[in-house]
Amino acid sequence: MKTMTTLIAASLLSVIASGAYAQSVTATGSTLDTAEAAIAKKAKEMHASEYKITSAHMGNTVTMSAELYK
């Protein structure tokens, strides 16, 4: 039972620790492609290993938000 508790605690801490490195960014562009390219550029500049687009809104311009992960 103690081993199971330790394993669960370690799993939760690793999830929390990995979430601490996420950073939100936004970018705008005239199309979805240009907005995503701007997100990719920001991710590269910030040395992020990956990014996840969390939202995109279209009007006269496209505004896109993403989470960057290291």
PDB file of N, CA and C in Angstrom:
ATOM      1  N   MET A   1       0.829  -1.187   0.000  1.00  0.00           N
ATOM      2  CA  MET A   1       0.000   0.000   0.000  1.00  0.00           C
ATOM      3  C   MET A   1       0.877   1.256   0.000  1.00  0.00           C
ATOM      4  N   LYS A   2       1.968   1.219   0.788  1.00  0.00           N
ATOM      5  CA  LYS A   2       2.856   2.372   0.849  1.00  0.00           C
ATOM      6  C   LYS A   2       3.513   2.613  -0.512  1.00  0.00           C
ATOM      7  N   THR A   3       3.866   1.539  -1.201  1.00  0.00           N
ATOM      8  CA  THR A   3       4.467   1.664  -2.524  1.00  0.00           C
ATOM      9  C   THR A   3       3.486   2.294  -3.503  1.00  0.00           C
ATOM     10  N   MET A   4       2.224   1.893  -3.434  1.00  0.00           N
ATOM     11  CA  MET A   4       1.193   2.442  -4.318  1.00  0.00           C
ATOM     12  C   MET A   4       1.001   3.937  -4.047  1.00  0.00           C
ATOM     13  N   THR A   5       0.966   4.333  -2.813  1.00  0.00           N
ATOM     14  CA  THR A   5       0.814   5.738  -2.452  1.00  0.00           C
ATOM     15  C   THR A   5       1.999   6.554  -2.959  1.00  0.00           C
ATOM     16  N   THR A   6       3.198   6.028  -2.800  1.00  0.00           N
ATOM     17  CA  THR A   6       4.396   6.713  -3.271  1.00  0.00           C
ATOM     18  C   THR A   6       4.376   6.860  -4.783  1.00  0.00           C
ATOM     19  N   LEU A   7       3.964   5.820  -5.475  1.00  0.00           N
ATOM     20  CA  LEU A   7       3.888   5.859  -6.932  1.00  0.00           C
ATOM     21  C   LEU A   7       2.873   6.894  -7.411  1.00  0.00           C
ATOM     22  N   ILE A   8       1.727   6.944  -6.783  1.00  0.00           N
ATOM     23  CA  ILE A   8       0.700   7.925  -7.158  1.00  0.00           C
ATOM     24  C   ILE A   8       1.189   9.341  -6.880  1.00  0.00           C
ATOM     25  N   ALA A   9       1.811   9.550  -5.735  1.00  0.00           N
ATOM     26  CA  ALA A   9       2.330  10.880  -5.395  1.00  0.00           C
ATOM     27  C   ALA A   9       3.396  11.317  -6.395  1.00  0.00           C
ATOM     28  N   ALA A  10       4.287  10.414  -6.761  1.00  0.00           N
ATOM     29  CA  ALA A  10       5.337  10.742  -7.729  1.00  0.00           C
ATOM     30  C   ALA A  10       4.737  11.077  -9.089  1.00  0.00           C
ATOM     31  N   SER A  11       3.708  10.367  -9.489  1.00  0.00           N
ATOM     32  CA  SER A  11       3.046  10.631 -10.771  1.00  0.00           C
ATOM     33  C   SER A  11       2.403  12.012 -10.780  1.00  0.00           C
ATOM     34  N   LEU A  12       1.726  12.341  -9.705  1.00  0.00           N
ATOM     35  CA  LEU A  12       1.082  13.653  -9.612  1.00  0.00           C
ATOM     36  C   LEU A  12       2.114  14.772  -9.623  1.00  0.00           C
ATOM     37  N   LEU A  13       3.202  14.599  -8.911  1.00  0.00           N
ATOM     38  CA  LEU A  13       4.239  15.629  -8.886  1.00  0.00           C
ATOM     39  C   LEU A  13       4.883  15.818 -10.251  1.00  0.00           C
ATOM     40  N   SER A  14       5.058  14.747 -10.997  1.00  0.00           N
ATOM     41  CA  SER A  14       5.657  14.886 -12.325  1.00  0.00           C
ATOM     42  C   SER A  14       4.721  15.631 -13.269  1.00  0.00           C
ATOM     43  N   VAL A  15       3.419  15.415 -13.148  1.00  0.00           N
ATOM     44  CA  VAL A  15       2.448  16.138 -13.982  1.00  0.00           C
ATOM     45  C   VAL A  15       2.451  17.614 -13.620  1.00  0.00           C
ATOM     46  N   ILE A  16       2.475  17.900 -12.333  1.00  0.00           N
ATOM     47  CA  ILE A  16       2.490  19.292 -11.887  1.00  0.00           C
ATOM     48  C   ILE A  16       3.779  19.969 -12.329  1.00  0.00           C
ATOM     49  N   ALA A  17       4.897  19.291 -12.192  1.00  0.00           N
ATOM     50  CA  ALA A  17       6.182  19.875 -12.579  1.00  0.00           C
ATOM     51  C   ALA A  17       6.250  20.157 -14.072  1.00  0.00           C
ATOM     52  N   SER A  18       5.756  19.260 -14.899  1.00  0.00           N
ATOM     53  CA  SER A  18       5.808  19.488 -16.341  1.00  0.00           C
ATOM     54  C   SER A  18       4.890  20.622 -16.741  1.00  0.00           C
ATOM     55  N   GLY A  19       3.779  20.813 -16.044  1.00  0.00           N
ATOM     56  CA  GLY A  19       2.871  21.910 -16.333  1.00  0.00           C
ATOM     57  C   GLY A  19       3.446  23.270 -15.983  1.00  0.00           C
ATOM     58  N   ALA A  20       4.419  23.291 -15.076  1.00  0.00           N
ATOM     59  CA  ALA A  20       5.026  24.542 -14.652  1.00  0.00           C
ATOM     60  C   ALA A  20       5.826  25.185 -15.772  1.00  0.00           C
ATOM     61  N   TYR A  21       6.227  24.433 -16.777  1.00  0.00           N
ATOM     62  CA  TYR A  21       7.030  24.959 -17.861  1.00  0.00           C
ATOM     63  C   TYR A  21       6.182  25.468 -19.025  1.00  0.00           C
ATOM     64  N   ALA A  22       4.882  25.370 -18.937  1.00  0.00           N
ATOM     65  CA  ALA A  22       4.021  25.847 -20.017  1.00  0.00           C
ATOM     66  C   ALA A  22       3.921  27.369 -19.952  1.00  0.00           C
ATOM     67  N   GLN A  23       3.954  27.991 -21.113  1.00  0.00           N
ATOM     68  CA  GLN A  23       3.833  29.437 -21.196  1.00  0.00           C
ATOM     69  C   GLN A  23       2.861  29.768 -22.317  1.00  0.00           C
ATOM     70  N   SER A  24       1.988  30.727 -22.080  1.00  0.00           N
ATOM     71  CA  SER A  24       1.004  31.122 -23.082  1.00  0.00           C
ATOM     72  C   SER A  24       1.556  32.236 -23.962  1.00  0.00           C
ATOM     73  N   VAL A  25       1.269  32.134 -25.253  1.00  0.00           N
ATOM     74  CA  VAL A  25       1.623  33.189 -26.204  1.00  0.00           C
ATOM     75  C   VAL A  25       0.453  33.412 -27.145  1.00  0.00           C
ATOM     76  N   THR A  26       0.394  34.599 -27.723  1.00  0.00           N
ATOM     77  CA  THR A  26      -0.615  34.904 -28.733  1.00  0.00           C
ATOM     78  C   THR A  26       0.073  35.507 -29.952  1.00  0.00           C
ATOM     79  N   ALA A  27      -0.579  35.390 -31.076  1.00  0.00           N
ATOM     80  CA  ALA A  27      -0.058  35.967 -32.322  1.00  0.00           C
ATOM     81  C   ALA A  27      -1.234  36.323 -33.214  1.00  0.00           C
ATOM     82  N   THR A  28      -1.016  37.251 -34.116  1.00  0.00           N
ATOM     83  CA  THR A  28      -2.039  37.622 -35.084  1.00  0.00           C
ATOM     84  C   THR A  28      -1.477  37.474 -36.489  1.00  0.00           C
ATOM     85  N   GLY A  29      -2.371  37.305 -37.436  1.00  0.00           N
ATOM     86  CA  GLY A  29      -1.992  37.187 -38.835  1.00  0.00           C
ATOM     87  C   GLY A  29      -3.200  37.395 -39.717  1.00  0.00           C
ATOM     88  N   SER A  30      -2.977  37.474 -41.006  1.00  0.00           N
ATOM     89  CA  SER A  30      -4.084  37.678 -41.930  1.00  0.00           C
ATOM     90  C   SER A  30      -4.800  36.367 -42.262  1.00  0.00           C
ATOM     91  N   THR A  31      -4.106  35.228 -42.056  1.00  0.00           N
ATOM     92  CA  THR A  31      -4.703  33.902 -42.284  1.00  0.00           C
ATOM     93  C   THR A  31      -4.319  32.983 -41.130  1.00  0.00           C
ATOM     94  N   LEU A  32      -4.948  31.814 -41.082  1.00  0.00           N
ATOM     95  CA  LEU A  32      -4.589  30.828 -40.071  1.00  0.00           C
ATOM     96  C   LEU A  32      -3.124  30.410 -40.213  1.00  0.00           C
ATOM     97  N   ASP A  33      -2.663  30.249 -41.435  1.00  0.00           N
ATOM     98  CA  ASP A  33      -1.283  29.842 -41.680  1.00  0.00           C
ATOM     99  C   ASP A  33      -0.279  30.868 -41.173  1.00  0.00           C
ATOM    100  N   THR A  34      -0.540  32.151 -41.414  1.00  0.00           N
ATOM    101  CA  THR A  34       0.410  33.169 -40.966  1.00  0.00           C
ATOM    102  C   THR A  34       0.413  33.304 -39.446  1.00  0.00           C
ATOM    103  N   ALA A  35      -0.750  33.153 -38.829  1.00  0.00           N
ATOM    104  CA  ALA A  35      -0.816  33.209 -37.362  1.00  0.00           C
ATOM    105  C   ALA A  35      -0.084  32.018 -36.756  1.00  0.00           C
ATOM    106  N   GLU A  36      -0.260  30.835 -37.338  1.00  0.00           N
ATOM    107  CA  GLU A  36       0.447  29.662 -36.816  1.00  0.00           C
ATOM    108  C   GLU A  36       1.949  29.781 -37.053  1.00  0.00           C
ATOM    109  N   ALA A  37       2.349  30.356 -38.156  1.00  0.00           N
ATOM    110  CA  ALA A  37       3.774  30.567 -38.413  1.00  0.00           C
ATOM    111  C   ALA A  37       4.375  31.505 -37.366  1.00  0.00           C
ATOM    112  N   ALA A  38       3.609  32.503 -36.962  1.00  0.00           N
ATOM    113  CA  ALA A  38       4.081  33.421 -35.923  1.00  0.00           C
ATOM    114  C   ALA A  38       4.218  32.699 -34.584  1.00  0.00           C
ATOM    115  N   ILE A  39       3.281  31.800 -34.272  1.00  0.00           N
ATOM    116  CA  ILE A  39       3.369  30.998 -33.048  1.00  0.00           C
ATOM    117  C   ILE A  39       4.609  30.108 -33.106  1.00  0.00           C
ATOM    118  N   ALA A  40       4.823  29.453 -34.235  1.00  0.00           N
ATOM    119  CA  ALA A  40       5.989  28.575 -34.397  1.00  0.00           C
ATOM    120  C   ALA A  40       7.290  29.363 -34.238  1.00  0.00           C
ATOM    121  N   LYS A  41       7.330  30.577 -34.772  1.00  0.00           N
ATOM    122  CA  LYS A  41       8.517  31.416 -34.642  1.00  0.00           C
ATOM    123  C   LYS A  41       8.780  31.773 -33.185  1.00  0.00           C
ATOM    124  N   LYS A  42       7.720  32.148 -32.460  1.00  0.00           N
ATOM    125  CA  LYS A  42       7.868  32.465 -31.039  1.00  0.00           C
ATOM    126  C   LYS A  42       8.339  31.235 -30.257  1.00  0.00           C
ATOM    127  N   ALA A  43       7.798  30.077 -30.588  1.00  0.00           N
ATOM    128  CA  ALA A  43       8.201  28.843 -29.901  1.00  0.00           C
ATOM    129  C   ALA A  43       9.680  28.571 -30.131  1.00  0.00           C
ATOM    130  N   LYS A  44      10.141  28.764 -31.354  1.00  0.00           N
ATOM    131  CA  LYS A  44      11.554  28.533 -31.668  1.00  0.00           C
ATOM    132  C   LYS A  44      12.439  29.536 -30.931  1.00  0.00           C
ATOM    133  N   GLU A  45      12.029  30.802 -30.911  1.00  0.00           N
ATOM    134  CA  GLU A  45      12.803  31.836 -30.228  1.00  0.00           C
ATOM    135  C   GLU A  45      12.907  31.573 -28.729  1.00  0.00           C
ATOM    136  N   MET A  46      11.859  30.979 -28.159  1.00  0.00           N
ATOM    137  CA  MET A  46      11.829  30.717 -26.714  1.00  0.00           C
ATOM    138  C   MET A  46      12.329  29.310 -26.385  1.00  0.00           C
ATOM    139  N   HIS A  47      12.886  28.619 -27.381  1.00  0.00           N
ATOM    140  CA  HIS A  47      13.464  27.281 -27.221  1.00  0.00           C
ATOM    141  C   HIS A  47      12.450  26.271 -26.669  1.00  0.00           C
ATOM    142  N   ALA A  48      11.210  26.388 -27.104  1.00  0.00           N
ATOM    143  CA  ALA A  48      10.174  25.438 -26.696  1.00  0.00           C
ATOM    144  C   ALA A  48      10.314  24.165 -27.524  1.00  0.00           C
ATOM    145  N   SER A  49      10.094  23.035 -26.892  1.00  0.00           N
ATOM    146  CA  SER A  49      10.201  21.766 -27.613  1.00  0.00           C
ATOM    147  C   SER A  49       8.934  21.473 -28.415  1.00  0.00           C
ATOM    148  N   GLU A  50       7.820  22.035 -27.983  1.00  0.00           N
ATOM    149  CA  GLU A  50       6.561  21.852 -28.699  1.00  0.00           C
ATOM    150  C   GLU A  50       5.588  22.943 -28.305  1.00  0.00           C
ATOM    151  N   TYR A  51       4.512  23.060 -29.078  1.00  0.00           N
ATOM    152  CA  TYR A  51       3.454  23.995 -28.726  1.00  0.00           C
ATOM    153  C   TYR A  51       2.103  23.368 -29.058  1.00  0.00           C
ATOM    154  N   LYS A  52       1.076  23.860 -28.379  1.00  0.00           N
ATOM    155  CA  LYS A  52      -0.290  23.386 -28.597  1.00  0.00           C
ATOM    156  C   LYS A  52      -1.177  24.608 -28.775  1.00  0.00           C
ATOM    157  N   ILE A  53      -1.830  24.704 -29.911  1.00  0.00           N
ATOM    158  CA  ILE A  53      -2.734  25.818 -30.167  1.00  0.00           C
ATOM    159  C   ILE A  53      -3.991  25.599 -29.334  1.00  0.00           C
ATOM    160  N   THR A  54      -4.334  26.609 -28.543  1.00  0.00           N
ATOM    161  CA  THR A  54      -5.482  26.488 -27.642  1.00  0.00           C
ATOM    162  C   THR A  54      -6.715  27.215 -28.157  1.00  0.00           C
ATOM    163  N   SER A  55      -6.522  28.242 -29.000  1.00  0.00           N
ATOM    164  CA  SER A  55      -7.682  28.927 -29.563  1.00  0.00           C
ATOM    165  C   SER A  55      -7.269  29.727 -30.798  1.00  0.00           C
ATOM    166  N   ALA A  56      -8.256  29.975 -31.648  1.00  0.00           N
ATOM    167  CA  ALA A  56      -8.061  30.816 -32.825  1.00  0.00           C
ATOM    168  C   ALA A  56      -9.383  31.525 -33.107  1.00  0.00           C
ATOM    169  N   HIS A  57      -9.297  32.822 -33.315  1.00  0.00           N
ATOM    170  CA  HIS A  57     -10.488  33.626 -33.599  1.00  0.00           C
ATOM    171  C   HIS A  57     -10.267  34.364 -34.901  1.00  0.00           C
ATOM    172  N   MET A  58     -11.275  34.284 -35.774  1.00  0.00           N
ATOM    173  CA  MET A  58     -11.172  34.927 -37.073  1.00  0.00           C
ATOM    174  C   MET A  58     -12.144  36.086 -37.164  1.00  0.00           C
ATOM    175  N   GLY A  59     -11.666  37.174 -37.696  1.00  0.00           N
ATOM    176  CA  GLY A  59     -12.456  38.365 -37.990  1.00  0.00           C
ATOM    177  C   GLY A  59     -11.757  39.026 -39.163  1.00  0.00           C
ATOM    178  N   ASN A  60     -11.418  40.302 -39.013  1.00  0.00           N
ATOM    179  CA  ASN A  60     -10.592  40.957 -40.032  1.00  0.00           C
ATOM    180  C   ASN A  60      -9.182  40.380 -40.015  1.00  0.00           C
ATOM    181  N   THR A  61      -8.756  39.915 -38.852  1.00  0.00           N
ATOM    182  CA  THR A  61      -7.466  39.238 -38.698  1.00  0.00           C
ATOM    183  C   THR A  61      -7.694  37.964 -37.894  1.00  0.00           C
ATOM    184  N   VAL A  62      -6.683  37.130 -37.851  1.00  0.00           N
ATOM    185  CA  VAL A  62      -6.744  35.893 -37.058  1.00  0.00           C
ATOM    186  C   VAL A  62      -5.906  36.111 -35.801  1.00  0.00           C
ATOM    187  N   THR A  63      -6.498  35.844 -34.650  1.00  0.00           N
ATOM    188  CA  THR A  63      -5.774  35.890 -33.388  1.00  0.00           C
ATOM    189  C   THR A  63      -5.699  34.463 -32.860  1.00  0.00           C
ATOM    190  N   MET A  64      -4.491  34.017 -32.569  1.00  0.00           N
ATOM    191  CA  MET A  64      -4.277  32.639 -32.159  1.00  0.00           C
ATOM    192  C   MET A  64      -3.518  32.616 -30.837  1.00  0.00           C
ATOM    193  N   SER A  65      -3.919  31.708 -29.945  1.00  0.00           N
ATOM    194  CA  SER A  65      -3.225  31.510 -28.668  1.00  0.00           C
ATOM    195  C   SER A  65      -2.673  30.106 -28.629  1.00  0.00           C
ATOM    196  N   ALA A  66      -1.557  29.944 -27.921  1.00  0.00           N
ATOM    197  CA  ALA A  66      -0.935  28.622 -27.809  1.00  0.00           C
ATOM    198  C   ALA A  66      -0.200  28.521 -26.483  1.00  0.00           C
ATOM    199  N   GLU A  67       0.010  27.274 -26.055  1.00  0.00           N
ATOM    200  CA  GLU A  67       0.822  26.966 -24.896  1.00  0.00           C
ATOM    201  C   GLU A  67       2.148  26.428 -25.397  1.00  0.00           C
ATOM    202  N   LEU A  68       3.248  26.967 -24.901  1.00  0.00           N
ATOM    203  CA  LEU A  68       4.580  26.500 -25.258  1.00  0.00           C
ATOM    204  C   LEU A  68       5.081  25.586 -24.145  1.00  0.00           C
ATOM    205  N   TYR A  69       5.748  24.501 -24.515  1.00  0.00           N
ATOM    206  CA  TYR A  69       6.292  23.552 -23.545  1.00  0.00           C
ATOM    207  C   TYR A  69       7.782  23.381 -23.777  1.00  0.00           C
ATOM    208  N   LYS A  70       8.520  23.340 -22.687  1.00  0.00           N
ATOM    209  CA  LYS A  70       9.981  23.148 -22.778  1.00  0.00           C
ATOM    210  C   LYS A  70      10.325  21.723 -22.520  1.00  0.00           C
TER     211      LYS A  70
END
